[in-house]
PDB file of N, CA and C in Angstrom:
ATOM      1  N   MET A   1      56.054  78.319  39.731  1.00  0.00           N
ATOM      2  CA  MET A   1      55.902  77.287  39.368  1.00  0.00           C
ATOM      3  C   MET A   1      53.472  78.048  39.237  1.00  0.00           C
ATOM      4  N   THR A   2      53.197  78.425  40.115  1.00  0.00           N
ATOM      5  CA  THR A   2      52.075  79.126  39.936  1.00  0.00           C
ATOM      6  C   THR A   2      52.847  79.820  38.394  1.00  0.00           C
ATOM      7  N   ALA A   3      53.474  81.317  38.321  1.00  0.00           N
ATOM      8  CA  ALA A   3      53.578  82.037  37.443  1.00  0.00           C
ATOM      9  C   ALA A   3      52.790  81.225  36.163  1.00  0.00           C
ATOM     10  N   ARG A   4      54.061  80.027  35.977  1.00  0.00           N
ATOM     11  CA  ARG A   4      53.959  79.233  34.691  1.00  0.00           C
ATOM     12  C   ARG A   4      52.490  78.979  34.418  1.00  0.00           C
ATOM     13  N   ILE A   5      51.862  78.053  35.294  1.00  0.00           N
ATOM     14  CA  ILE A   5      50.401  77.621  35.426  1.00  0.00           C
ATOM     15  C   ILE A   5      49.601  78.730  34.657  1.00  0.00           C
ATOM     16  N   GLY A   6      50.149  80.158  35.194  1.00  0.00           N
ATOM     17  CA  GLY A   6      48.822  81.485  34.584  1.00  0.00           C
ATOM     18  C   GLY A   6      48.932  81.831  33.655  1.00  0.00           C
ATOM     19  N   ILE A   7      50.630  81.703  32.849  1.00  0.00           N
ATOM     20  CA  ILE A   7      50.810  81.321  31.647  1.00  0.00           C
ATOM     21  C   ILE A   7      50.405  81.000  30.768  1.00  0.00           C
ATOM     22  N   ALA A   8      50.413  79.755  31.188  1.00  0.00           N
ATOM     23  CA  ALA A   8      49.935  78.488  30.319  1.00  0.00           C
ATOM     24  C   ALA A   8      47.940  78.330  30.136  1.00  0.00           C
ATOM     25  N   ALA A   9      47.669  79.513  31.049  1.00  0.00           N
ATOM     26  CA  ALA A   9      45.729  79.305  31.554  1.00  0.00           C
ATOM     27  C   ALA A   9      45.869  80.798  30.471  1.00  0.00           C
ATOM     28  N   MET A  10      46.745  81.478  30.512  1.00  0.00           N
ATOM     29  CA  MET A  10      46.403  82.689  29.222  1.00  0.00           C
ATOM     30  C   MET A  10      46.190  82.742  28.294  1.00  0.00           C
ATOM     31  N   GLU A  11      47.531  81.434  27.771  1.00  0.00           N
ATOM     32  CA  GLU A  11      47.282  81.089  26.598  1.00  0.00           C
ATOM     33  C   GLU A  11      46.472  80.285  26.413  1.00  0.00           C
ATOM     34  N   THR A  12      45.666  79.487  27.321  1.00  0.00           N
ATOM     35  CA  THR A  12      44.713  78.622  26.485  1.00  0.00           C
ATOM     36  C   THR A  12      43.423  79.160  26.720  1.00  0.00           C
ATOM     37  N   ALA A  13      43.155  80.403  27.389  1.00  0.00           N
ATOM     38  CA  ALA A  13      42.051  81.076  26.998  1.00  0.00           C
ATOM     39  C   ALA A  13      42.199  82.450  26.074  1.00  0.00           C
ATOM     40  N   ARG A  14      42.803  82.098  25.704  1.00  0.00           N
ATOM     41  CA  ARG A  14      43.235  83.980  24.897  1.00  0.00           C
ATOM     42  C   ARG A  14      42.194  84.099  23.764  1.00  0.00           C
ATOM     43  N   PRO A  15      41.740  84.726  23.176  1.00  0.00           N
ATOM     44  CA  PRO A  15      41.163  84.427  21.579  1.00  0.00           C
ATOM     45  C   PRO A  15      41.775  84.509  20.433  1.00  0.00           C
ATOM     46  N   LEU A  16      42.625  84.930  20.955  1.00  0.00           N
ATOM     47  CA  LEU A  16      44.152  85.143  19.853  1.00  0.00           C
ATOM     48  C   LEU A  16      45.489  85.003  20.085  1.00  0.00           C
ATOM     49  N   PRO A  17      46.099  84.483  18.899  1.00  0.00           N
ATOM     50  CA  PRO A  17      47.118  83.700  19.579  1.00  0.00           C
ATOM     51  C   PRO A  17      48.107  84.964  20.172  1.00  0.00           C
ATOM     52  N   PHE A  18      49.236  84.491  20.487  1.00  0.00           N
ATOM     53  CA  PHE A  18      50.413  85.564  21.134  1.00  0.00           C
ATOM     54  C   PHE A  18      51.349  86.017  19.561  1.00  0.00           C
ATOM     55  N   SER A  19      50.891  86.051  18.116  1.00  0.00           N
ATOM     56  CA  SER A  19      51.748  85.861  17.762  1.00  0.00           C
ATOM     57  C   SER A  19      51.906  88.090  17.077  1.00  0.00           C
ATOM     58  N   ALA A  20      50.920  88.742  16.847  1.00  0.00           N
ATOM     59  CA  ALA A  20      50.860  89.635  17.350  1.00  0.00           C
ATOM     60  C   ALA A  20      51.344  90.817  18.520  1.00  0.00           C
ATOM     61  N   ALA A  21      51.666  90.236  19.335  1.00  0.00           N
ATOM     62  CA  ALA A  21      52.339  90.750  20.772  1.00  0.00           C
ATOM     63  C   ALA A  21      53.083  89.835  21.749  1.00  0.00           C
ATOM     64  N   LYS A  22      54.380  89.969  22.203  1.00  0.00           N
ATOM     65  CA  LYS A  22      55.053  89.197  22.429  1.00  0.00           C
ATOM     66  C   LYS A  22      54.941  88.562  23.794  1.00  0.00           C
ATOM     67  N   ARG A  23      54.989  87.274  23.379  1.00  0.00           N
ATOM     68  CA  ARG A  23      54.269  86.477  24.348  1.00  0.00           C
ATOM     69  C   ARG A  23      55.233  86.773  26.240  1.00  0.00           C
ATOM     70  N   PRO A  24      53.933  86.656  26.938  1.00  0.00           N
ATOM     71  CA  PRO A  24      54.296  86.904  28.073  1.00  0.00           C
ATOM     72  C   PRO A  24      55.455  85.722  28.691  1.00  0.00           C
ATOM     73  N   GLY A  25      56.731  86.021  29.222  1.00  0.00           N
ATOM     74  CA  GLY A  25      57.312  84.594  29.601  1.00  0.00           C
ATOM     75  C   GLY A  25      56.940  84.713  31.500  1.00  0.00           C
ATOM     76  N   LEU A  26      58.267  83.716  31.994  1.00  0.00           N
ATOM     77  CA  LEU A  26      58.511  83.944  33.389  1.00  0.00           C
ATOM     78  C   LEU A  26      59.018  84.685  34.226  1.00  0.00           C
ATOM     79  N   GLY A  27      60.101  85.979  33.369  1.00  0.00           N
ATOM     80  CA  GLY A  27      60.708  86.749  33.096  1.00  0.00           C
ATOM     81  C   GLY A  27      60.033  88.216  33.351  1.00  0.00           C
ATOM     82  N   ASP A  28      58.940  88.319  32.989  1.00  0.00           N
ATOM     83  CA  ASP A  28      57.996  89.179  32.862  1.00  0.00           C
ATOM     84  C   ASP A  28      57.316  89.096  34.208  1.00  0.00           C
ATOM     85  N   PHE A  29      57.042  88.550  34.871  1.00  0.00           N
ATOM     86  CA  PHE A  29      56.434  88.082  36.191  1.00  0.00           C
ATOM     87  C   PHE A  29      57.471  88.422  37.699  1.00  0.00           C
ATOM     88  N   LEU A  30      58.699  87.984  36.922  1.00  0.00           N
ATOM     89  CA  LEU A  30      59.862  88.146  38.431  1.00  0.00           C
ATOM     90  C   LEU A  30      59.975  89.463  39.168  1.00  0.00           C
ATOM     91  N   ALA A  31      60.334  90.671  38.192  1.00  0.00           N
ATOM     92  CA  ALA A  31      60.012  92.080  38.612  1.00  0.00           C
ATOM     93  C   ALA A  31      58.782  92.458  39.280  1.00  0.00           C
ATOM     94  N   ALA A  32      57.567  92.030  38.990  1.00  0.00           N
ATOM     95  CA  ALA A  32      56.231  92.313  39.738  1.00  0.00           C
ATOM     96  C   ALA A  32      56.459  91.734  41.286  1.00  0.00           C
ATOM     97  N   LEU A  33      56.586  90.650  41.136  1.00  0.00           N
ATOM     98  CA  LEU A  33      56.202  89.617  42.179  1.00  0.00           C
ATOM     99  C   LEU A  33      57.364  89.850  43.208  1.00  0.00           C
ATOM    100  N   THR A  34      58.891  90.027  42.315  1.00  0.00           N
ATOM    101  CA  THR A  34      59.780  90.247  43.700  1.00  0.00           C
ATOM    102  C   THR A  34      59.074  91.898  44.509  1.00  0.00           C
ATOM    103  N   SER A  35      58.900  92.925  43.838  1.00  0.00           N
ATOM    104  CA  SER A  35      58.614  94.136  44.428  1.00  0.00           C
ATOM    105  C   SER A  35      57.453  94.151  44.868  1.00  0.00           C
ATOM    106  N   PHE A  36      56.225  93.027  44.756  1.00  0.00           N
ATOM    107  CA  PHE A  36      55.122  92.830  45.829  1.00  0.00           C
ATOM    108  C   PHE A  36      55.842  92.308  46.849  1.00  0.00           C
ATOM    109  N   ALA A  37      56.472  91.402  47.040  1.00  0.00           N
ATOM    110  CA  ALA A  37      56.860  90.306  48.302  1.00  0.00           C
ATOM    111  C   ALA A  37      57.503  91.131  48.742  1.00  0.00           C
ATOM    112  N   THR A  38      58.695  92.507  48.587  1.00  0.00           N
ATOM    113  CA  THR A  38      59.392  93.293  49.089  1.00  0.00           C
ATOM    114  C   THR A  38      58.728  94.691  50.159  1.00  0.00           C
ATOM    115  N   ARG A  39      58.007  94.296  48.759  1.00  0.00           N
ATOM    116  CA  ARG A  39      57.204  95.579  49.276  1.00  0.00           C
ATOM    117  C   ARG A  39      56.164  95.580  51.013  1.00  0.00           C
ATOM    118  N   LYS A  40      55.273  94.190  51.055  1.00  0.00           N
ATOM    119  CA  LYS A  40      54.802  93.420  52.046  1.00  0.00           C
ATOM    120  C   LYS A  40      55.659  93.345  53.268  1.00  0.00           C
ATOM    121  N   ASP A  41      57.049  92.838  52.723  1.00  0.00           N
ATOM    122  CA  ASP A  41      58.067  92.244  53.971  1.00  0.00           C
ATOM    123  C   ASP A  41      58.498  93.823  55.146  1.00  0.00           C
ATOM    124  N   ALA A  42      59.048  94.683  53.986  1.00  0.00           N
ATOM    125  CA  ALA A  42      59.439  96.361  54.175  1.00  0.00           C
ATOM    126  C   ALA A  42      57.813  96.780  55.312  1.00  0.00           C
ATOM    127  N   GLU A  43      56.505  96.358  54.933  1.00  0.00           N
ATOM    128  CA  GLU A  43      55.257  96.734  55.770  1.00  0.00           C
ATOM    129  C   GLU A  43      54.919  96.442  56.998  1.00  0.00           C
ATOM    130  N   THR A  44      55.612  95.224  57.289  1.00  0.00           N
ATOM    131  CA  THR A  44      55.014  94.403  58.328  1.00  0.00           C
ATOM    132  C   THR A  44      56.442  94.755  59.324  1.00  0.00           C
ATOM    133  N   ASN A  45      58.006  94.077  59.082  1.00  0.00           N
ATOM    134  CA  ASN A  45      59.060  94.939  59.853  1.00  0.00           C
ATOM    135  C   ASN A  45      59.126  96.212  60.037  1.00  0.00           C
ATOM    136  N   ALA A  46      58.474  97.558  59.138  1.00  0.00           N
ATOM    137  CA  ALA A  46      58.087  98.798  59.232  1.00  0.00           C
ATOM    138  C   ALA A  46      57.596  99.027  61.498  1.00  0.00           C
ATOM    139  N   PRO A  47      59.102  99.837  61.912  1.00  0.00           N
ATOM    140  CA  PRO A  47      58.322 100.432  63.196  1.00  0.00           C
ATOM    141  C   PRO A  47      57.220 101.244  63.031  1.00  0.00           C
ATOM    142  N   ASP A  48      56.263 100.345  64.094  1.00  0.00           N
ATOM    143  CA  ASP A  48      55.121 101.582  64.820  1.00  0.00           C
ATOM    144  C   ASP A  48      55.435 102.867  64.787  1.00  0.00           C
ATOM    145  N   LYS A  49      54.427 103.903  63.633  1.00  0.00           N
ATOM    146  CA  LYS A  49      54.720 105.388  64.553  1.00  0.00           C
ATOM    147  C   LYS A  49      53.630 106.106  65.517  1.00  0.00           C
TER     148      LYS A  49
END
């Protein structure tokens, strides 16, 4: 839900329309969000050395 609000805010604040470039979609952010969450989870569950 937050990503959709962010995309809508980008469209509103963008000085030029997305006609020249591909409009970002929710799928564009999913990989980054998933890898970020997975990395943070791995850091918190890593054993201390």
